[in-house]
Amino acid sequence: MFKYLPIILIIFAMALISVGVFLMSQSIGFVVTGGLVALLAYLIAPKGDDR
């Protein structure tokens, strides 16, 4: 459980940010959600040369 805790907290925080922006403006909410999903993909993607 503790191995996955950081990613769970990141996804939870992104969800809260997305909901907050959607409450202000729906169109901007889609843009922010797309940016957060792209950021999550960057964070999860393997980096470096693992030989």
C-alpha atoms as a PDB file:
ATOM      1  CA  MET A   1       0.000   0.000   0.000  1.00  0.00           C
ATOM      2  CA  PHE A   2       2.731   2.467   0.932  1.00  0.00           C
ATOM      3  CA  LYS A   3       4.544   1.745  -2.322  1.00  0.00           C
ATOM      4  CA  TYR A   4       1.685   3.305  -4.294  1.00  0.00           C
ATOM      5  CA  LEU A   5       0.802   6.040  -1.808  1.00  0.00           C
ATOM      6  CA  PRO A   6       2.621   8.895  -3.628  1.00  0.00           C
ATOM      7  CA  ILE A   7       0.891   8.216  -6.966  1.00  0.00           C
ATOM      8  CA  ILE A   8      -2.474   7.865  -5.237  1.00  0.00           C
ATOM      9  CA  LEU A   9      -1.973  11.239  -3.545  1.00  0.00           C
ATOM     10  CA  ILE A  10      -0.905  12.849  -6.828  1.00  0.00           C
ATOM     11  CA  ILE A  11      -4.010  11.550  -8.613  1.00  0.00           C
ATOM     12  CA  PHE A  12      -6.218  12.679  -5.721  1.00  0.00           C
ATOM     13  CA  ALA A  13      -4.678  16.170  -5.799  1.00  0.00           C
ATOM     14  CA  MET A  14      -5.126  16.384  -9.576  1.00  0.00           C
ATOM     15  CA  ALA A  15      -8.759  15.384  -9.215  1.00  0.00           C
ATOM     16  CA  LEU A  16      -9.345  18.103  -6.629  1.00  0.00           C
ATOM     17  CA  ILE A  17      -7.657  20.713  -8.834  1.00  0.00           C
ATOM     18  CA  SER A  18      -9.731  19.626 -11.845  1.00  0.00           C
ATOM     19  CA  VAL A  19     -13.004  19.767  -9.929  1.00  0.00           C
ATOM     20  CA  GLY A  20     -12.144  23.203  -8.552  1.00  0.00           C
ATOM     21  CA  VAL A  21     -11.388  24.591 -11.993  1.00  0.00           C
ATOM     22  CA  PHE A  22     -14.514  22.960 -13.463  1.00  0.00           C
ATOM     23  CA  LEU A  23     -16.584  24.746 -10.826  1.00  0.00           C
ATOM     24  CA  MET A  24     -15.190  28.087 -12.034  1.00  0.00           C
ATOM     25  CA  SER A  25     -15.340  27.456 -15.787  1.00  0.00           C
ATOM     26  CA  GLN A  26     -16.099  24.297 -17.701  1.00  0.00           C
ATOM     27  CA  SER A  27     -14.006  25.110 -20.778  1.00  0.00           C
ATOM     28  CA  ILE A  28     -10.930  26.024 -18.747  1.00  0.00           C
ATOM     29  CA  GLY A  29     -11.525  22.889 -16.677  1.00  0.00           C
ATOM     30  CA  PHE A  30     -11.014  20.713 -19.748  1.00  0.00           C
ATOM     31  CA  VAL A  31      -7.766  22.507 -20.588  1.00  0.00           C
ATOM     32  CA  VAL A  32      -6.423  22.165 -17.046  1.00  0.00           C
ATOM     33  CA  THR A  33      -7.462  18.511 -16.845  1.00  0.00           C
ATOM     34  CA  GLY A  34      -5.663  17.781 -20.123  1.00  0.00           C
ATOM     35  CA  GLY A  35      -2.546  19.512 -18.826  1.00  0.00           C
ATOM     36  CA  LEU A  36      -2.653  17.547 -15.583  1.00  0.00           C
ATOM     37  CA  VAL A  37      -3.057  14.258 -17.460  1.00  0.00           C
ATOM     38  CA  ALA A  38      -0.052  15.157 -19.636  1.00  0.00           C
ATOM     39  CA  LEU A  39       1.932  15.977 -16.487  1.00  0.00           C
ATOM     40  CA  LEU A  40       0.935  12.651 -14.939  1.00  0.00           C
ATOM     41  CA  ALA A  41       2.056  10.810 -18.082  1.00  0.00           C
ATOM     42  CA  TYR A  42       5.410  12.603 -17.889  1.00  0.00           C
ATOM     43  CA  LEU A  43       5.823  11.685 -14.219  1.00  0.00           C
ATOM     44  CA  ILE A  44       4.967   8.015 -14.796  1.00  0.00           C
ATOM     45  CA  ALA A  45       6.993   7.499 -18.004  1.00  0.00           C
ATOM     46  CA  PRO A  46      10.340   5.752 -17.555  1.00  0.00           C
ATOM     47  CA  LYS A  47      13.299   8.116 -17.769  1.00  0.00           C
ATOM     48  CA  GLY A  48      16.961   7.659 -18.502  1.00  0.00           C
ATOM     49  CA  ASP A  49      18.953   4.873 -20.009  1.00  0.00           C
ATOM     50  CA  ASP A  50      18.290   1.763 -17.932  1.00  0.00           C
ATOM     51  CA  ARG A  51      20.931  -0.682 -19.132  1.00  0.00           C
END
